[in-house]
C-alpha atoms as a PDB file:
ATOM      1  CA  MET A   1     -61.948  -8.071  23.377  1.00  0.00           C
ATOM      2  CA  LYS A   2     -58.679  -5.970  21.856  1.00  0.00           C
ATOM      3  CA  GLN A   3     -57.581  -9.072  20.779  1.00  0.00           C
ATOM      4  CA  ILE A   4     -60.729  -9.821  18.581  1.00  0.00           C
ATOM      5  CA  ILE A   5     -60.587  -6.147  16.830  1.00  0.00           C
ATOM      6  CA  GLN A   6     -57.092  -6.495  15.879  1.00  0.00           C
ATOM      7  CA  GLU A   7     -57.629  -9.954  14.452  1.00  0.00           C
ATOM      8  CA  VAL A   8     -60.704  -8.260  12.533  1.00  0.00           C
ATOM      9  CA  PHE A   9     -59.063  -5.500  11.383  1.00  0.00           C
ATOM     10  CA  GLY A  10     -55.877  -7.529  10.709  1.00  0.00           C
ATOM     11  CA  LYS A  11     -57.858  -9.380   7.766  1.00  0.00           C
ATOM     12  CA  ILE A  12     -59.246  -6.252   6.508  1.00  0.00           C
ATOM     13  CA  GLU A  13     -57.202  -5.342   3.049  1.00  0.00           C
ATOM     14  CA  VAL A  14     -57.729  -1.205   3.875  1.00  0.00           C
ATOM     15  CA  THR A  15     -54.679  -0.003   2.136  1.00  0.00           C
ATOM     16  CA  LYS A  16     -55.020  -2.188  -0.661  1.00  0.00           C
ATOM     17  CA  THR A  17     -58.958  -1.032  -1.273  1.00  0.00           C
ATOM     18  CA  LEU A  18     -58.093   2.496  -0.494  1.00  0.00           C
ATOM     19  CA  GLN A  19     -55.358   2.119  -3.301  1.00  0.00           C
ATOM     20  CA  THR A  20     -57.952   0.994  -5.693  1.00  0.00           C
ATOM     21  CA  VAL A  21     -60.031   3.753  -5.086  1.00  0.00           C
ATOM     22  CA  MET A  22     -57.449   6.079  -5.444  1.00  0.00           C
ATOM     23  CA  ASN A  23     -56.151   4.791  -9.069  1.00  0.00           C
ATOM     24  CA  ASN A  24     -57.367   7.396 -11.378  1.00  0.00           C
ATOM     25  CA  GLY A  25     -58.247  10.142  -9.033  1.00  0.00           C
ATOM     26  CA  PRO A  26     -58.764  13.243 -11.027  1.00  0.00           C
ATOM     27  CA  GLU A  27     -61.458  11.105 -13.190  1.00  0.00           C
ATOM     28  CA  LYS A  28     -63.643   9.858 -10.655  1.00  0.00           C
ATOM     29  CA  LEU A  29     -63.469  13.458  -9.121  1.00  0.00           C
ATOM     30  CA  THR A  30     -64.663  14.607 -11.977  1.00  0.00           C
ATOM     31  CA  ALA A  31     -67.570  12.058 -12.927  1.00  0.00           C
ATOM     32  CA  SER A  32     -68.481  12.089  -9.009  1.00  0.00           C
ATOM     33  CA  ALA A  33     -68.943  16.069  -9.481  1.00  0.00           C
ATOM     34  CA  ILE A  34     -71.106  15.489 -12.594  1.00  0.00           C
ATOM     35  CA  GLY A  35     -72.856  12.826 -10.580  1.00  0.00           C
ATOM     36  CA  MET A  36     -73.565  14.854  -7.591  1.00  0.00           C
ATOM     37  CA  LEU A  37     -74.895  17.681  -9.745  1.00  0.00           C
ATOM     38  CA  ILE A  38     -77.300  15.451 -11.614  1.00  0.00           C
ATOM     39  CA  LEU A  39     -78.052  13.107  -9.118  1.00  0.00           C
ATOM     40  CA  ASP A  40     -79.143  12.866  -5.160  1.00  0.00           C
ATOM     41  CA  LEU A  41     -77.379  10.610  -2.246  1.00  0.00           C
ATOM     42  CA  GLY A  42     -80.244   7.915  -2.085  1.00  0.00           C
ATOM     43  CA  THR A  43     -79.864   7.451  -5.968  1.00  0.00           C
ATOM     44  CA  VAL A  44     -75.939   7.865  -6.139  1.00  0.00           C
ATOM     45  CA  MET A  45     -76.124   5.082  -2.819  1.00  0.00           C
ATOM     46  CA  ALA A  46     -78.661   2.948  -5.196  1.00  0.00           C
ATOM     47  CA  LEU A  47     -76.381   2.819  -7.912  1.00  0.00           C
ATOM     48  CA  PHE A  48     -73.338   2.301  -6.035  1.00  0.00           C
ATOM     49  CA  ILE A  49     -75.027  -0.902  -4.813  1.00  0.00           C
ATOM     50  CA  LEU A  50     -76.257  -2.064  -7.757  1.00  0.00           C
ATOM     51  CA  LEU A  51     -72.747  -1.768  -9.318  1.00  0.00           C
ATOM     52  CA  ALA A  52     -71.526  -3.576  -6.422  1.00  0.00           C
ATOM     53  CA  ILE A  53     -73.499  -6.482  -7.141  1.00  0.00           C
ATOM     54  CA  ILE A  54     -72.920  -6.433 -10.791  1.00  0.00           C
ATOM     55  CA  ASP A  55     -69.266  -6.178 -10.086  1.00  0.00           C
ATOM     56  CA  ILE A  56     -69.298  -9.509  -8.284  1.00  0.00           C
ATOM     57  CA  ILE A  57     -71.160 -11.414 -11.266  1.00  0.00           C
ATOM     58  CA  THR A  58     -68.914  -9.342 -14.030  1.00  0.00           C
ATOM     59  CA  LYS A  59     -65.583 -10.967 -11.808  1.00  0.00           C
ATOM     60  CA  CYS A  60     -67.248 -14.757 -11.799  1.00  0.00           C
ATOM     61  CA  ALA A  61     -67.821 -14.545 -15.437  1.00  0.00           C
ATOM     62  CA  SER A  62     -64.626 -12.875 -15.947  1.00  0.00           C
ATOM     63  CA  LEU A  63     -62.731 -16.249 -14.272  1.00  0.00           C
ATOM     64  CA  ALA A  64     -65.199 -18.481 -16.088  1.00  0.00           C
ATOM     65  CA  ALA A  65     -63.898 -16.564 -19.400  1.00  0.00           C
ATOM     66  CA  GLU A  66     -60.535 -17.831 -18.530  1.00  0.00           C
ATOM     67  CA  LEU A  67     -61.462 -21.472 -18.408  1.00  0.00           C
ATOM     68  CA  TRP A  68     -63.191 -21.019 -21.476  1.00  0.00           C
ATOM     69  CA  ASN A  69     -60.676 -19.575 -22.958  1.00  0.00           C
ATOM     70  CA  ARG A  70     -58.171 -22.384 -21.302  1.00  0.00           C
ATOM     71  CA  THR A  71     -60.382 -24.963 -22.709  1.00  0.00           C
ATOM     72  CA  TYR A  72     -61.502 -23.797 -26.318  1.00  0.00           C
ATOM     73  CA  GLY A  73     -58.520 -21.544 -27.223  1.00  0.00           C
ATOM     74  CA  THR A  74     -58.098 -17.618 -27.494  1.00  0.00           C
ATOM     75  CA  GLU A  75     -59.806 -17.802 -31.202  1.00  0.00           C
ATOM     76  CA  PHE A  76     -63.038 -19.815 -30.485  1.00  0.00           C
ATOM     77  CA  THR A  77     -63.390 -17.945 -27.710  1.00  0.00           C
ATOM     78  CA  LYS A  78     -63.205 -14.368 -29.600  1.00  0.00           C
ATOM     79  CA  ARG A  79     -65.872 -15.583 -32.240  1.00  0.00           C
ATOM     80  CA  HIS A  80     -68.240 -17.828 -29.959  1.00  0.00           C
ATOM     81  CA  GLY A  81     -67.586 -16.403 -26.794  1.00  0.00           C
ATOM     82  CA  ASN A  82     -70.624 -14.081 -24.952  1.00  0.00           C
ATOM     83  CA  PHE A  83     -71.666 -13.386 -21.645  1.00  0.00           C
ATOM     84  CA  LEU A  84     -73.776 -15.419 -21.149  1.00  0.00           C
ATOM     85  CA  ALA A  85     -72.157 -18.148 -22.094  1.00  0.00           C
ATOM     86  CA  PHE A  86     -69.257 -17.604 -19.278  1.00  0.00           C
ATOM     87  CA  LEU A  87     -71.629 -17.244 -16.791  1.00  0.00           C
ATOM     88  CA  ARG A  88     -73.117 -20.655 -17.790  1.00  0.00           C
ATOM     89  CA  TRP A  89     -69.571 -21.821 -17.088  1.00  0.00           C
ATOM     90  CA  CYS A  90     -69.069 -20.376 -13.938  1.00  0.00           C
ATOM     91  CA  PRO A  91     -70.026 -23.623 -11.688  1.00  0.00           C
ATOM     92  CA  SER A  92     -67.082 -25.421 -13.889  1.00  0.00           C
ATOM     93  CA  ALA A  93     -65.013 -22.652 -13.014  1.00  0.00           C
ATOM     94  CA  TYR A  94     -65.585 -22.694  -9.091  1.00  0.00           C
ATOM     95  CA  ASP A  95     -65.132 -26.651  -9.864  1.00  0.00           C
ATOM     96  CA  TRP A  96     -61.771 -25.770 -11.570  1.00  0.00           C
ATOM     97  CA  ARG A  97     -60.874 -23.480  -8.247  1.00  0.00           C
ATOM     98  CA  LEU A  98     -60.711 -20.591 -10.738  1.00  0.00           C
ATOM     99  CA  ILE A  99     -63.608 -18.670  -8.509  1.00  0.00           C
ATOM    100  CA  ASN A 100     -62.434 -19.156  -5.021  1.00  0.00           C
ATOM    101  CA  SER A 101     -65.644 -18.458  -2.479  1.00  0.00           C
ATOM    102  CA  HIS A 102     -63.321 -17.710   0.681  1.00  0.00           C
ATOM    103  CA  ALA A 103     -60.842 -15.209  -1.208  1.00  0.00           C
ATOM    104  CA  MET A 104     -63.891 -13.634  -2.618  1.00  0.00           C
ATOM    105  CA  LYS A 105     -65.608 -13.193   0.349  1.00  0.00           C
ATOM    106  CA  THR A 106     -62.875 -12.227   2.099  1.00  0.00           C
ATOM    107  CA  GLY A 107     -62.029  -9.458  -0.707  1.00  0.00           C
ATOM    108  CA  PHE A 108     -65.885  -8.761  -0.374  1.00  0.00           C
ATOM    109  CA  VAL A 109     -66.101  -7.998   3.247  1.00  0.00           C
ATOM    110  CA  SER A 110     -62.646  -6.452   3.361  1.00  0.00           C
ATOM    111  CA  LYS A 111     -63.515  -3.814   0.413  1.00  0.00           C
ATOM    112  CA  ILE A 112     -67.156  -3.385   2.012  1.00  0.00           C
ATOM    113  CA  ILE A 113     -65.876  -2.393   5.585  1.00  0.00           C
ATOM    114  CA  THR A 114     -63.394   0.059   4.079  1.00  0.00           C
ATOM    115  CA  TYR A 115     -66.090   1.737   1.889  1.00  0.00           C
ATOM    116  CA  MET A 116     -68.357   1.481   5.076  1.00  0.00           C
ATOM    117  CA  LEU A 117     -65.084   3.769   7.143  1.00  0.00           C
ATOM    118  CA  MET A 118     -64.864   5.976   3.967  1.00  0.00           C
ATOM    119  CA  ILE A 119     -68.967   6.760   3.940  1.00  0.00           C
ATOM    120  CA  ILE A 120     -68.884   7.357   7.920  1.00  0.00           C
ATOM    121  CA  ALA A 121     -65.652   9.964   7.660  1.00  0.00           C
ATOM    122  CA  ALA A 122     -67.787  11.732   5.023  1.00  0.00           C
ATOM    123  CA  CYS A 123     -70.875  11.830   7.268  1.00  0.00           C
ATOM    124  CA  VAL A 124     -68.650  13.371  10.102  1.00  0.00           C
ATOM    125  CA  CYS A 125     -67.223  15.794   7.747  1.00  0.00           C
ATOM    126  CA  ASP A 126     -70.299  16.468   6.563  1.00  0.00           C
ATOM    127  CA  ALA A 127     -72.031  17.168  10.312  1.00  0.00           C
ATOM    128  CA  LEU A 128     -68.767  19.457  10.892  1.00  0.00           C
ATOM    129  CA  LEU A 129     -68.607  21.347   7.777  1.00  0.00           C
ATOM    130  CA  PRO A 130     -71.423  23.762   6.558  1.00  0.00           C
ATOM    131  CA  LEU A 131     -71.122  22.169   3.077  1.00  0.00           C
ATOM    132  CA  LYS A 132     -72.976  18.869   2.971  1.00  0.00           C
ATOM    133  CA  VAL A 133     -71.316  17.298   0.149  1.00  0.00           C
ATOM    134  CA  MET A 134     -69.017  14.834   1.277  1.00  0.00           C
ATOM    135  CA  ARG A 135     -71.273  11.998   1.652  1.00  0.00           C
ATOM    136  CA  THR A 136     -72.346  12.282  -1.851  1.00  0.00           C
ATOM    137  CA  LEU A 137     -68.983  12.905  -3.468  1.00  0.00           C
ATOM    138  CA  VAL A 138     -67.285   9.932  -1.631  1.00  0.00           C
ATOM    139  CA  VAL A 139     -70.113   7.369  -2.771  1.00  0.00           C
ATOM    140  CA  SER A 140     -70.045   8.805  -6.328  1.00  0.00           C
ATOM    141  CA  VAL A 141     -66.132   8.393  -6.190  1.00  0.00           C
ATOM    142  CA  LEU A 142     -66.936   4.966  -5.097  1.00  0.00           C
ATOM    143  CA  ALA A 143     -69.808   4.103  -7.680  1.00  0.00           C
ATOM    144  CA  CYS A 144     -66.859   5.608 -10.148  1.00  0.00           C
ATOM    145  CA  THR A 145     -64.565   2.585  -8.761  1.00  0.00           C
ATOM    146  CA  GLU A 146     -67.120   0.073  -9.360  1.00  0.00           C
ATOM    147  CA  LEU A 147     -68.218   1.137 -12.474  1.00  0.00           C
ATOM    148  CA  ILE A 148     -64.561   0.718 -13.617  1.00  0.00           C
ATOM    149  CA  SER A 149     -64.195  -2.605 -12.345  1.00  0.00           C
ATOM    150  CA  VAL A 150     -67.198  -3.750 -14.211  1.00  0.00           C
ATOM    151  CA  CYS A 151     -65.845  -2.677 -16.774  1.00  0.00           C
ATOM    152  CA  GLU A 152     -62.454  -4.353 -16.829  1.00  0.00           C
ATOM    153  CA  ASN A 153     -64.238  -7.532 -15.600  1.00  0.00           C
ATOM    154  CA  LEU A 154     -66.559  -7.059 -18.911  1.00  0.00           C
ATOM    155  CA  SER A 155     -63.437  -6.353 -21.213  1.00  0.00           C
ATOM    156  CA  LEU A 156     -62.127  -9.613 -20.079  1.00  0.00           C
ATOM    157  CA  CYS A 157     -65.118 -11.504 -21.224  1.00  0.00           C
ATOM    158  CA  ASN A 158     -64.383 -10.044 -24.498  1.00  0.00           C
ATOM    159  CA  ILE A 159     -66.993  -7.129 -24.610  1.00  0.00           C
ATOM    160  CA  ALA A 160     -66.109  -4.519 -26.462  1.00  0.00           C
ATOM    161  CA  VAL A 161     -68.002  -1.458 -25.163  1.00  0.00           C
ATOM    162  CA  ALA A 162     -66.449  -1.945 -21.942  1.00  0.00           C
ATOM    163  CA  GLY A 163     -62.822  -2.045 -23.424  1.00  0.00           C
ATOM    164  CA  HIS A 164     -63.946   1.488 -25.083  1.00  0.00           C
ATOM    165  CA  ILE A 165     -64.756   2.545 -21.733  1.00  0.00           C
ATOM    166  CA  LYS A 166     -61.739   1.497 -20.398  1.00  0.00           C
ATOM    167  CA  SER A 167     -59.256   2.503 -22.819  1.00  0.00           C
ATOM    168  CA  LEU A 168     -61.500   5.987 -23.151  1.00  0.00           C
ATOM    169  CA  VAL A 169     -60.307   6.352 -18.981  1.00  0.00           C
ATOM    170  CA  SER A 170     -56.584   5.319 -19.701  1.00  0.00           C
ATOM    171  CA  ARG A 171     -56.636   7.969 -22.699  1.00  0.00           C
ATOM    172  CA  ARG A 172     -58.321  10.818 -20.170  1.00  0.00           C
ATOM    173  CA  LYS A 173     -55.864  10.083 -17.565  1.00  0.00           C
ATOM    174  CA  GLU A 174     -52.524  10.105 -19.678  1.00  0.00           C
ATOM    175  CA  GLN A 175     -53.987  13.707 -20.949  1.00  0.00           C
ATOM    176  CA  ILE A 176     -54.496  14.788 -17.604  1.00  0.00           C
ATOM    177  CA  LYS A 177     -51.103  14.042 -16.772  1.00  0.00           C
END
């Protein structure tokens, strides 16, 4: 049993996932605090789950956009490429092995297990502390992490709004430093 547990946790990239969560920390904490004032835990959790699903879809589209770019060139992609066209190219990107289902499945499982461990730790903190805000704060930070990932994927698909959001976050990060 011990060997099975070690093998399972050996495949989970906890450190990599935690580093991703900690990137843009001040921005995520600020956005999470604002979100906590406006939304309850259930709403934040639903938003987080929705963003995790959208992240997978936009990741596949960004990989298909890479194939589109290789096939047609940068200028044609900038003028004629759009998100729906990239989604239609996902099967081709899978055929060309740009979308690797094993790597995506392994990365997704690793990410979800790490996220669940963080949420469990927050639940333990909420049980021990008089303020019951850790769960909402942790889930809000995770939702912000997924939102940033979605914006990065969409900017790879030449969607201008996502690039603006990403640059805004980068500028705020520089101002905080």
